[in-house]
């Protein structure tokens, strides 16, 4: 990825990541989405080499202590951080004011501004992501054509658009499909 010198966003939500050891240093990188993985707090040290990072989505990982969150204080331009549903959020030591003090550039934490107002730009972020698709609708149609009929039916059944699924906003349908396939295999063996 380091060869992509103008890359400003990396989205690796729901990829079952456990390590960021080889995470690239890219000077143009402004946003990284790593929500719904298996990342422990010690992995955050691999992100701080990206000094221009402004938005970091880490919701639903395994970050457990404020000391681990403190690693992010080295990101001097970080202004939007999501830690929602990490174990640290359930601890007595997790206080919004403490995080804002620790990361002085921070303006938004867990989708809430420093002053307590709700962060409402989620749609803007998603729209910006979709606008970033080279080829736009043509590329989406190509991706849609690559989905199995079973996967298309699951998306339609769950009311999830292809765009939402690609942004990691839907359920992990592939995992669900694997479980169904395993169940079908067991039934076939039982017969």
N, C-alpha and C. Protein backbone atom coordinates (compact mmCIF):
# COMPACT_ATOMS: atom_id res chain seq x y z
N UNK A 1 0.80 -1.20 0.00
CA UNK A 1 0.00 0.00 0.00
C UNK A 1 0.85 1.26 0.00
N UNK A 2 2.07 1.15 0.47
CA UNK A 2 2.93 2.33 0.54
C UNK A 2 3.18 2.94 -0.83
N UNK A 3 2.95 2.15 -1.89
CA UNK A 3 3.15 2.67 -3.24
C UNK A 3 2.06 3.67 -3.63
N UNK A 4 0.94 3.69 -2.89
CA UNK A 4 -0.15 4.61 -3.16
C UNK A 4 0.09 5.91 -2.38
N UNK A 5 0.89 6.77 -2.92
CA UNK A 5 1.35 7.98 -2.23
C UNK A 5 0.22 8.98 -1.96
N UNK A 6 -0.88 8.92 -2.71
CA UNK A 6 -1.98 9.87 -2.54
C UNK A 6 -3.18 9.27 -1.81
N UNK A 7 -3.05 8.07 -1.30
CA UNK A 7 -4.13 7.40 -0.60
C UNK A 7 -4.48 8.18 0.66
N UNK A 8 -5.76 8.55 0.82
CA UNK A 8 -6.13 9.31 2.01
C UNK A 8 -7.06 8.55 2.95
N UNK A 9 -7.62 7.42 2.50
CA UNK A 9 -8.55 6.66 3.32
C UNK A 9 -8.28 5.17 3.18
N UNK A 10 -8.27 4.48 4.30
CA UNK A 10 -8.19 3.02 4.30
C UNK A 10 -9.35 2.51 5.14
N UNK A 11 -10.16 1.64 4.57
CA UNK A 11 -11.29 1.06 5.29
C UNK A 11 -11.12 -0.45 5.35
N UNK A 12 -10.90 -0.94 6.56
CA UNK A 12 -10.72 -2.37 6.78
C UNK A 12 -11.64 -2.83 7.91
N UNK A 13 -12.89 -2.42 7.84
CA UNK A 13 -13.87 -2.82 8.83
C UNK A 13 -14.23 -4.29 8.62
N UNK A 14 -14.49 -4.98 9.73
CA UNK A 14 -14.96 -6.37 9.70
C UNK A 14 -14.05 -7.29 8.87
N UNK A 15 -12.76 -7.16 9.02
CA UNK A 15 -11.81 -7.98 8.28
C UNK A 15 -11.14 -9.03 9.17
N UNK A 16 -11.59 -9.11 10.41
CA UNK A 16 -11.04 -10.06 11.38
C UNK A 16 -9.55 -9.81 11.65
N UNK A 17 -9.13 -8.56 11.56
CA UNK A 17 -7.73 -8.22 11.81
C UNK A 17 -7.38 -8.39 13.28
N UNK A 18 -6.21 -8.94 13.52
CA UNK A 18 -5.71 -9.11 14.89
C UNK A 18 -4.40 -8.34 15.09
N UNK A 19 -3.80 -7.92 14.00
CA UNK A 19 -2.51 -7.24 14.08
C UNK A 19 -2.44 -6.10 13.06
N UNK A 20 -1.70 -5.08 13.43
CA UNK A 20 -1.42 -3.98 12.50
C UNK A 20 0.09 -3.86 12.28
N UNK A 21 0.79 -4.93 12.55
CA UNK A 21 2.24 -4.91 12.52
C UNK A 21 2.83 -4.34 11.24
N UNK A 22 2.26 -4.66 10.10
CA UNK A 22 2.81 -4.19 8.83
C UNK A 22 1.98 -3.06 8.23
N UNK A 23 1.27 -2.33 9.09
CA UNK A 23 0.45 -1.23 8.59
C UNK A 23 1.36 -0.19 7.94
N UNK A 24 1.00 0.26 6.74
CA UNK A 24 1.90 1.16 5.99
C UNK A 24 1.95 2.57 6.56
N UNK A 25 3.07 3.23 6.30
CA UNK A 25 3.22 4.66 6.59
C UNK A 25 2.94 5.38 5.29
N UNK A 26 1.86 6.16 5.28
CA UNK A 26 1.47 6.89 4.08
C UNK A 26 1.20 8.34 4.50
N UNK A 27 2.01 9.25 4.04
CA UNK A 27 1.91 10.65 4.46
C UNK A 27 0.57 11.29 4.14
N UNK A 28 -0.08 10.86 3.08
CA UNK A 28 -1.35 11.47 2.68
C UNK A 28 -2.55 10.88 3.43
N UNK A 29 -2.34 9.86 4.22
CA UNK A 29 -3.44 9.17 4.91
C UNK A 29 -4.10 10.07 5.94
N UNK A 30 -5.42 10.25 5.79
CA UNK A 30 -6.19 11.11 6.69
C UNK A 30 -7.22 10.34 7.51
N UNK A 31 -7.69 9.22 6.97
CA UNK A 31 -8.75 8.47 7.65
C UNK A 31 -8.46 6.97 7.58
N UNK A 32 -8.65 6.31 8.74
CA UNK A 32 -8.50 4.86 8.80
C UNK A 32 -9.69 4.30 9.57
N UNK A 33 -10.38 3.37 8.95
CA UNK A 33 -11.52 2.70 9.57
C UNK A 33 -11.14 1.24 9.83
N UNK A 34 -11.11 0.87 11.10
CA UNK A 34 -10.73 -0.49 11.50
C UNK A 34 -11.78 -1.08 12.46
N UNK A 35 -13.01 -0.66 12.34
CA UNK A 35 -14.06 -1.09 13.25
C UNK A 35 -14.37 -2.58 13.07
N UNK A 36 -14.83 -3.18 14.14
CA UNK A 36 -15.29 -4.56 14.17
C UNK A 36 -14.22 -5.55 13.72
N UNK A 37 -13.07 -5.43 14.36
CA UNK A 37 -11.98 -6.39 14.17
C UNK A 37 -11.63 -6.98 15.53
N UNK A 38 -10.46 -7.52 15.65
CA UNK A 38 -10.02 -8.14 16.91
C UNK A 38 -8.72 -7.50 17.39
N UNK A 39 -8.63 -6.18 17.23
CA UNK A 39 -7.39 -5.47 17.53
C UNK A 39 -7.29 -5.12 19.01
N UNK A 40 -6.18 -5.51 19.62
CA UNK A 40 -5.90 -5.14 21.00
C UNK A 40 -5.19 -3.80 20.99
N UNK A 41 -5.22 -3.12 22.12
CA UNK A 41 -4.66 -1.78 22.23
C UNK A 41 -3.19 -1.66 21.87
N UNK A 42 -2.43 -2.71 22.13
CA UNK A 42 -0.99 -2.65 21.82
C UNK A 42 -0.74 -2.49 20.33
N UNK A 43 -1.71 -2.82 19.50
CA UNK A 43 -1.56 -2.70 18.04
C UNK A 43 -1.61 -1.24 17.58
N UNK A 44 -2.13 -0.36 18.41
CA UNK A 44 -2.27 1.05 18.03
C UNK A 44 -0.94 1.72 17.74
N UNK A 45 0.12 1.20 18.32
CA UNK A 45 1.45 1.79 18.09
C UNK A 45 1.84 1.77 16.62
N UNK A 46 1.25 0.86 15.85
CA UNK A 46 1.58 0.75 14.43
C UNK A 46 0.88 1.83 13.58
N UNK A 47 -0.06 2.55 14.19
CA UNK A 47 -0.77 3.60 13.46
C UNK A 47 -0.12 4.97 13.60
N UNK A 48 0.60 5.19 14.68
CA UNK A 48 1.09 6.55 14.98
C UNK A 48 2.15 7.06 14.02
N UNK A 49 2.68 6.20 13.18
CA UNK A 49 3.64 6.66 12.15
C UNK A 49 2.93 7.50 11.09
N UNK A 50 1.60 7.41 11.03
CA UNK A 50 0.81 8.18 10.07
C UNK A 50 0.39 9.50 10.72
N UNK A 51 1.31 10.43 10.74
CA UNK A 51 1.18 11.69 11.49
C UNK A 51 0.03 12.57 11.04
N UNK A 52 -0.46 12.41 9.83
CA UNK A 52 -1.52 13.27 9.31
C UNK A 52 -2.92 12.68 9.51
N UNK A 53 -3.01 11.60 10.23
CA UNK A 53 -4.29 10.95 10.47
C UNK A 53 -5.22 11.87 11.24
N UNK A 54 -6.44 12.06 10.72
CA UNK A 54 -7.43 12.94 11.34
C UNK A 54 -8.63 12.18 11.89
N UNK A 55 -9.02 11.10 11.21
CA UNK A 55 -10.20 10.33 11.61
C UNK A 55 -9.78 8.88 11.80
N UNK A 56 -10.13 8.33 12.95
CA UNK A 56 -9.77 6.95 13.27
C UNK A 56 -10.97 6.23 13.87
N UNK A 57 -11.46 5.22 13.17
CA UNK A 57 -12.61 4.44 13.62
C UNK A 57 -12.11 3.10 14.15
N UNK A 58 -12.24 2.92 15.46
CA UNK A 58 -11.75 1.69 16.11
C UNK A 58 -12.86 1.00 16.91
N UNK A 59 -14.10 1.34 16.67
CA UNK A 59 -15.21 0.76 17.41
C UNK A 59 -15.23 -0.76 17.32
N UNK A 60 -15.70 -1.39 18.38
CA UNK A 60 -15.87 -2.85 18.44
C UNK A 60 -14.58 -3.62 18.18
N UNK A 61 -13.53 -3.25 18.91
CA UNK A 61 -12.29 -4.00 18.89
C UNK A 61 -12.01 -4.50 20.29
N UNK A 62 -10.76 -4.67 20.65
CA UNK A 62 -10.38 -5.24 21.96
C UNK A 62 -9.50 -4.28 22.77
N UNK A 63 -9.68 -2.98 22.57
CA UNK A 63 -8.88 -1.98 23.29
C UNK A 63 -9.41 -1.94 24.73
N UNK A 64 -8.52 -2.21 25.70
CA UNK A 64 -8.98 -2.47 27.06
C UNK A 64 -8.61 -1.44 28.12
N UNK A 65 -7.58 -0.61 27.89
CA UNK A 65 -7.14 0.31 28.94
C UNK A 65 -6.90 1.72 28.39
N UNK A 66 -6.90 2.67 29.30
CA UNK A 66 -6.61 4.06 28.91
C UNK A 66 -5.15 4.20 28.51
N UNK A 67 -4.27 3.39 29.06
CA UNK A 67 -2.86 3.43 28.64
C UNK A 67 -2.74 3.09 27.16
N UNK A 68 -3.57 2.16 26.71
CA UNK A 68 -3.56 1.80 25.29
C UNK A 68 -4.09 2.96 24.44
N UNK A 69 -5.14 3.61 24.90
CA UNK A 69 -5.70 4.76 24.18
C UNK A 69 -4.66 5.88 24.11
N UNK A 70 -3.88 6.03 25.17
CA UNK A 70 -2.88 7.10 25.26
C UNK A 70 -1.86 7.03 24.13
N UNK A 71 -1.66 5.86 23.57
CA UNK A 71 -0.74 5.70 22.43
C UNK A 71 -1.13 6.66 21.31
N UNK A 72 -2.44 6.91 21.17
CA UNK A 72 -2.93 7.75 20.07
C UNK A 72 -2.63 9.23 20.28
N UNK A 73 -2.17 9.62 21.46
CA UNK A 73 -1.83 11.02 21.73
C UNK A 73 -0.71 11.51 20.82
N UNK A 74 0.05 10.60 20.25
CA UNK A 74 1.13 10.98 19.32
C UNK A 74 0.59 11.43 17.97
N UNK A 75 -0.69 11.19 17.71
CA UNK A 75 -1.31 11.63 16.46
C UNK A 75 -1.80 13.06 16.65
N UNK A 76 -0.98 14.02 16.35
CA UNK A 76 -1.23 15.44 16.66
C UNK A 76 -2.34 16.08 15.83
N UNK A 77 -2.78 15.41 14.75
CA UNK A 77 -3.86 15.96 13.92
C UNK A 77 -5.17 15.19 14.10
N UNK A 78 -5.17 14.18 14.95
CA UNK A 78 -6.36 13.37 15.15
C UNK A 78 -7.48 14.22 15.76
N UNK A 79 -8.59 14.33 15.03
CA UNK A 79 -9.69 15.14 15.55
C UNK A 79 -11.00 14.37 15.72
N UNK A 80 -11.05 13.13 15.23
CA UNK A 80 -12.27 12.34 15.32
C UNK A 80 -11.90 10.89 15.61
N UNK A 81 -12.31 10.40 16.78
CA UNK A 81 -11.94 9.07 17.23
C UNK A 81 -13.17 8.30 17.67
N UNK A 82 -13.29 7.08 17.19
CA UNK A 82 -14.39 6.19 17.60
C UNK A 82 -13.80 5.00 18.34
N UNK A 83 -14.19 4.87 19.60
CA UNK A 83 -13.80 3.72 20.43
C UNK A 83 -15.02 2.94 20.92
N UNK A 84 -16.19 3.24 20.40
CA UNK A 84 -17.44 2.65 20.86
C UNK A 84 -17.34 1.13 20.95
N UNK A 85 -17.87 0.59 22.02
CA UNK A 85 -17.96 -0.85 22.27
C UNK A 85 -16.61 -1.56 22.38
N UNK A 86 -15.59 -0.84 22.79
CA UNK A 86 -14.33 -1.47 23.17
C UNK A 86 -14.40 -1.71 24.67
N UNK A 87 -13.71 -2.72 25.19
CA UNK A 87 -13.75 -2.98 26.63
C UNK A 87 -13.38 -1.76 27.49
N UNK A 88 -12.48 -0.91 27.01
CA UNK A 88 -12.07 0.26 27.79
C UNK A 88 -13.26 1.17 28.11
N UNK A 89 -14.24 1.22 27.22
CA UNK A 89 -15.40 2.10 27.42
C UNK A 89 -16.25 1.69 28.63
N UNK A 90 -16.10 0.46 29.07
CA UNK A 90 -16.87 -0.04 30.22
C UNK A 90 -16.11 0.08 31.53
N UNK A 91 -14.91 0.62 31.49
CA UNK A 91 -14.10 0.72 32.71
C UNK A 91 -14.36 2.05 33.42
N UNK A 92 -14.06 2.08 34.70
CA UNK A 92 -14.21 3.30 35.49
C UNK A 92 -13.24 4.38 35.04
N UNK A 93 -12.10 3.98 34.50
CA UNK A 93 -11.09 4.95 34.09
C UNK A 93 -11.43 5.67 32.79
N UNK A 94 -12.39 5.16 32.01
CA UNK A 94 -12.73 5.78 30.73
C UNK A 94 -13.67 6.97 30.96
N UNK A 95 -13.11 8.13 30.80
CA UNK A 95 -13.86 9.38 30.95
C UNK A 95 -13.59 10.22 29.71
N UNK A 96 -14.66 10.73 29.12
CA UNK A 96 -14.54 11.52 27.90
C UNK A 96 -13.55 12.68 28.08
N UNK A 97 -13.71 13.40 29.20
CA UNK A 97 -12.83 14.55 29.44
C UNK A 97 -11.36 14.13 29.46
N UNK A 98 -11.10 12.97 30.04
CA UNK A 98 -9.71 12.49 30.11
C UNK A 98 -9.16 12.19 28.72
N UNK A 99 -10.00 11.63 27.85
CA UNK A 99 -9.55 11.33 26.48
C UNK A 99 -9.30 12.63 25.71
N UNK A 100 -10.21 13.59 25.85
CA UNK A 100 -10.01 14.89 25.18
C UNK A 100 -8.75 15.58 25.69
N UNK A 101 -8.46 15.46 26.97
CA UNK A 101 -7.25 16.06 27.53
C UNK A 101 -6.00 15.33 27.03
N UNK A 102 -6.10 14.04 26.94
CA UNK A 102 -4.97 13.20 26.50
C UNK A 102 -4.61 13.46 25.04
N UNK A 103 -5.64 13.64 24.20
CA UNK A 103 -5.44 13.87 22.76
C UNK A 103 -5.96 15.28 22.48
N UNK A 104 -5.10 16.26 22.60
CA UNK A 104 -5.50 17.67 22.58
C UNK A 104 -6.16 18.12 21.27
N UNK A 105 -5.85 17.48 20.16
CA UNK A 105 -6.43 17.87 18.87
C UNK A 105 -7.85 17.30 18.67
N UNK A 106 -8.28 16.41 19.54
CA UNK A 106 -9.55 15.72 19.40
C UNK A 106 -10.74 16.66 19.52
N UNK A 107 -11.68 16.56 18.59
CA UNK A 107 -12.91 17.35 18.60
C UNK A 107 -14.14 16.46 18.77
N UNK A 108 -14.05 15.22 18.25
CA UNK A 108 -15.18 14.30 18.31
C UNK A 108 -14.70 12.97 18.88
N UNK A 109 -15.40 12.47 19.89
CA UNK A 109 -15.09 11.17 20.48
C UNK A 109 -16.37 10.35 20.53
N UNK A 110 -16.31 9.17 19.96
CA UNK A 110 -17.46 8.25 19.97
C UNK A 110 -18.72 8.93 19.43
N UNK A 111 -18.56 9.68 18.33
CA UNK A 111 -19.65 10.35 17.62
C UNK A 111 -20.31 11.46 18.43
N UNK A 112 -19.60 12.01 19.41
CA UNK A 112 -20.11 13.13 20.19
C UNK A 112 -19.02 14.20 20.26
N UNK A 113 -19.41 15.43 19.91
CA UNK A 113 -18.46 16.54 19.98
C UNK A 113 -18.02 16.79 21.41
N UNK A 114 -16.92 17.47 21.54
CA UNK A 114 -16.36 17.82 22.84
C UNK A 114 -17.39 18.53 23.73
N UNK A 115 -18.23 19.37 23.11
CA UNK A 115 -19.23 20.13 23.87
C UNK A 115 -20.50 19.33 24.17
N UNK A 116 -20.52 18.05 23.76
CA UNK A 116 -21.65 17.18 24.08
C UNK A 116 -22.68 17.04 22.97
N UNK A 117 -22.55 17.81 21.90
CA UNK A 117 -23.49 17.69 20.79
C UNK A 117 -23.18 16.44 19.97
N UNK A 118 -24.24 15.86 19.42
CA UNK A 118 -24.08 14.64 18.63
C UNK A 118 -23.44 14.97 17.28
N UNK A 119 -22.50 14.14 16.87
CA UNK A 119 -21.83 14.27 15.58
C UNK A 119 -22.77 13.75 14.51
N UNK A 120 -23.17 14.61 13.59
CA UNK A 120 -24.19 14.24 12.61
C UNK A 120 -23.65 14.08 11.20
N UNK A 121 -22.36 14.02 11.03
CA UNK A 121 -21.78 13.98 9.69
C UNK A 121 -21.57 12.56 9.17
N UNK A 122 -22.17 11.57 9.80
CA UNK A 122 -21.98 10.21 9.33
C UNK A 122 -22.39 10.06 7.87
N UNK A 123 -23.52 10.66 7.49
CA UNK A 123 -23.96 10.56 6.11
C UNK A 123 -22.97 11.21 5.17
N UNK A 124 -22.37 12.33 5.59
CA UNK A 124 -21.37 12.99 4.75
C UNK A 124 -20.16 12.08 4.54
N UNK A 125 -19.73 11.41 5.62
CA UNK A 125 -18.60 10.49 5.52
C UNK A 125 -18.92 9.36 4.55
N UNK A 126 -20.11 8.79 4.68
CA UNK A 126 -20.49 7.68 3.82
C UNK A 126 -20.62 8.14 2.37
N UNK A 127 -21.20 9.34 2.16
CA UNK A 127 -21.34 9.88 0.82
C UNK A 127 -19.97 10.12 0.20
N UNK A 128 -19.05 10.66 1.00
CA UNK A 128 -17.69 10.92 0.53
C UNK A 128 -17.02 9.61 0.12
N UNK A 129 -17.26 8.55 0.90
CA UNK A 129 -16.69 7.25 0.58
C UNK A 129 -17.23 6.74 -0.76
N UNK A 130 -18.55 6.84 -0.93
CA UNK A 130 -19.16 6.35 -2.16
C UNK A 130 -18.71 7.20 -3.35
N UNK A 131 -18.55 8.50 -3.16
CA UNK A 131 -18.07 9.37 -4.24
C UNK A 131 -16.66 8.98 -4.65
N UNK A 132 -15.92 8.38 -3.73
CA UNK A 132 -14.54 7.99 -3.98
C UNK A 132 -14.40 6.76 -4.86
N UNK A 133 -15.51 6.04 -5.10
CA UNK A 133 -15.44 4.89 -5.98
C UNK A 133 -15.11 5.35 -7.38
N UNK A 134 -13.99 4.90 -7.91
CA UNK A 134 -13.68 5.22 -9.30
C UNK A 134 -14.64 4.43 -10.16
N UNK A 135 -15.29 5.09 -11.06
CA UNK A 135 -16.24 4.41 -11.92
C UNK A 135 -17.65 4.46 -11.36
N UNK A 136 -17.82 4.84 -10.12
CA UNK A 136 -19.14 5.02 -9.50
C UNK A 136 -20.08 3.87 -9.74
N UNK A 137 -21.22 4.16 -10.38
CA UNK A 137 -22.27 3.17 -10.60
C UNK A 137 -21.79 2.00 -11.45
N UNK A 138 -20.92 2.27 -12.43
CA UNK A 138 -20.41 1.19 -13.29
C UNK A 138 -19.67 0.16 -12.45
N UNK A 139 -18.84 0.65 -11.53
CA UNK A 139 -18.08 -0.25 -10.67
C UNK A 139 -19.02 -1.02 -9.73
N UNK A 140 -20.03 -0.33 -9.20
CA UNK A 140 -21.00 -1.00 -8.33
C UNK A 140 -21.75 -2.09 -9.09
N UNK A 141 -22.12 -1.80 -10.33
CA UNK A 141 -22.83 -2.80 -11.15
C UNK A 141 -21.94 -4.02 -11.40
N UNK A 142 -20.65 -3.77 -11.63
CA UNK A 142 -19.71 -4.87 -11.84
C UNK A 142 -19.62 -5.72 -10.57
N UNK A 143 -19.52 -5.07 -9.41
CA UNK A 143 -19.47 -5.80 -8.14
C UNK A 143 -20.76 -6.57 -7.90
N UNK A 144 -21.88 -5.93 -8.21
CA UNK A 144 -23.19 -6.57 -8.04
C UNK A 144 -23.25 -7.84 -8.90
N UNK A 145 -22.68 -7.77 -10.11
CA UNK A 145 -22.68 -8.91 -11.01
C UNK A 145 -21.82 -10.07 -10.51
N UNK A 146 -20.87 -9.77 -9.64
CA UNK A 146 -19.98 -10.80 -9.11
C UNK A 146 -20.56 -11.52 -7.89
N UNK A 147 -21.63 -10.97 -7.32
CA UNK A 147 -22.24 -11.61 -6.15
C UNK A 147 -23.02 -12.85 -6.58
N UNK A 148 -22.99 -13.86 -5.74
CA UNK A 148 -23.80 -15.04 -6.01
C UNK A 148 -25.26 -14.69 -5.84
N UNK A 149 -26.15 -15.47 -6.48
CA UNK A 149 -27.59 -15.24 -6.34
C UNK A 149 -28.00 -15.36 -4.87
N UNK A 150 -27.36 -16.30 -4.17
CA UNK A 150 -27.66 -16.52 -2.76
C UNK A 150 -27.31 -15.27 -1.94
N UNK A 151 -26.15 -14.65 -2.24
CA UNK A 151 -25.74 -13.45 -1.51
C UNK A 151 -26.65 -12.28 -1.84
N UNK A 152 -27.03 -12.14 -3.13
CA UNK A 152 -27.95 -11.06 -3.52
C UNK A 152 -29.27 -11.21 -2.77
N UNK A 153 -29.76 -12.44 -2.67
CA UNK A 153 -31.02 -12.70 -1.97
C UNK A 153 -30.90 -12.34 -0.49
N UNK A 154 -29.77 -12.68 0.12
CA UNK A 154 -29.55 -12.35 1.54
C UNK A 154 -29.53 -10.85 1.76
N UNK A 155 -28.85 -10.12 0.88
CA UNK A 155 -28.81 -8.66 1.01
C UNK A 155 -30.22 -8.08 0.90
N UNK A 156 -30.97 -8.57 -0.10
CA UNK A 156 -32.33 -8.08 -0.30
C UNK A 156 -33.21 -8.44 0.90
N UNK A 157 -33.08 -9.67 1.39
CA UNK A 157 -33.86 -10.13 2.54
C UNK A 157 -33.59 -9.27 3.79
N UNK A 158 -32.34 -8.88 3.98
CA UNK A 158 -31.95 -8.09 5.16
C UNK A 158 -32.16 -6.59 4.94
N UNK A 159 -32.53 -6.20 3.69
CA UNK A 159 -32.74 -4.79 3.40
C UNK A 159 -31.45 -3.99 3.38
N UNK A 160 -30.35 -4.63 2.95
CA UNK A 160 -29.04 -3.99 2.93
C UNK A 160 -28.65 -3.72 1.48
N UNK A 161 -28.33 -2.48 1.17
CA UNK A 161 -27.89 -2.16 -0.19
C UNK A 161 -26.44 -2.62 -0.36
N UNK A 162 -26.01 -2.77 -1.61
CA UNK A 162 -24.64 -3.16 -1.88
C UNK A 162 -23.67 -2.11 -1.33
N UNK A 163 -24.04 -0.84 -1.46
CA UNK A 163 -23.19 0.23 -0.94
C UNK A 163 -23.01 0.09 0.57
N UNK A 164 -24.11 -0.16 1.29
CA UNK A 164 -24.04 -0.32 2.74
C UNK A 164 -23.18 -1.53 3.11
N UNK A 165 -23.35 -2.60 2.37
CA UNK A 165 -22.57 -3.81 2.64
C UNK A 165 -21.08 -3.56 2.43
N UNK A 166 -20.73 -2.86 1.36
CA UNK A 166 -19.32 -2.57 1.06
C UNK A 166 -18.70 -1.65 2.10
N UNK A 167 -19.51 -0.79 2.72
CA UNK A 167 -19.02 0.12 3.75
C UNK A 167 -18.98 -0.54 5.12
N UNK A 168 -19.37 -1.84 5.17
CA UNK A 168 -19.32 -2.53 6.45
C UNK A 168 -20.49 -2.21 7.35
N UNK A 169 -21.56 -1.69 6.78
CA UNK A 169 -22.70 -1.30 7.60
C UNK A 169 -23.70 -2.43 7.80
N UNK A 170 -23.59 -3.47 7.00
CA UNK A 170 -24.50 -4.60 7.15
C UNK A 170 -23.89 -5.69 8.00
N UNK A 171 -24.65 -6.74 8.19
CA UNK A 171 -24.15 -7.87 8.96
C UNK A 171 -23.08 -8.60 8.16
N UNK A 172 -22.35 -9.47 8.82
CA UNK A 172 -21.33 -10.27 8.14
C UNK A 172 -22.05 -11.45 7.49
N UNK A 173 -22.57 -11.24 6.29
CA UNK A 173 -23.37 -12.25 5.61
C UNK A 173 -22.54 -13.43 5.15
N UNK A 174 -21.26 -13.21 4.86
CA UNK A 174 -20.41 -14.32 4.42
C UNK A 174 -20.25 -15.33 5.53
N UNK A 175 -20.07 -14.86 6.77
CA UNK A 175 -19.93 -15.75 7.91
C UNK A 175 -21.22 -16.55 8.10
N UNK A 176 -22.35 -15.85 7.95
CA UNK A 176 -23.65 -16.49 8.08
C UNK A 176 -23.81 -17.56 7.00
N UNK A 177 -23.36 -17.24 5.79
CA UNK A 177 -23.47 -18.18 4.67
C UNK A 177 -22.61 -19.41 4.94
N UNK A 178 -21.40 -19.23 5.48
CA UNK A 178 -20.52 -20.35 5.81
C UNK A 178 -21.18 -21.26 6.84
N UNK A 179 -21.81 -20.65 7.85
CA UNK A 179 -22.48 -21.44 8.89
C UNK A 179 -23.61 -22.27 8.29
N UNK A 180 -24.38 -21.66 7.36
CA UNK A 180 -25.47 -22.39 6.71
C UNK A 180 -24.92 -23.55 5.89
N UNK A 181 -23.81 -23.29 5.16
CA UNK A 181 -23.20 -24.35 4.36
C UNK A 181 -22.74 -25.51 5.24
N UNK A 182 -22.15 -25.20 6.40
CA UNK A 182 -21.70 -26.24 7.33
C UNK A 182 -22.90 -27.03 7.84
N UNK A 183 -23.99 -26.33 8.13
CA UNK A 183 -25.20 -26.99 8.60
C UNK A 183 -25.77 -27.92 7.54
N UNK A 184 -25.75 -27.48 6.28
CA UNK A 184 -26.24 -28.30 5.18
C UNK A 184 -25.36 -29.55 4.99
N UNK A 185 -24.04 -29.37 5.16
CA UNK A 185 -23.11 -30.51 5.05
C UNK A 185 -23.41 -31.54 6.12
N UNK A 186 -23.66 -31.08 7.35
CA UNK A 186 -23.95 -32.00 8.45
C UNK A 186 -25.25 -32.74 8.19
N UNK A 187 -26.27 -32.02 7.66
CA UNK A 187 -27.55 -32.66 7.37
C UNK A 187 -27.37 -33.72 6.29
N UNK A 188 -26.56 -33.41 5.27
CA UNK A 188 -26.34 -34.35 4.19
C UNK A 188 -25.64 -35.60 4.70
N UNK A 189 -24.69 -35.46 5.62
CA UNK A 189 -23.97 -36.59 6.18
C UNK A 189 -24.89 -37.44 7.05
N UNK A 190 -25.83 -36.77 7.74
CA UNK A 190 -26.76 -37.48 8.61
C UNK A 190 -27.72 -38.34 7.80
N UNK A 191 -28.03 -37.91 6.58
CA UNK A 191 -28.96 -38.67 5.72
C UNK A 191 -28.24 -39.87 5.19
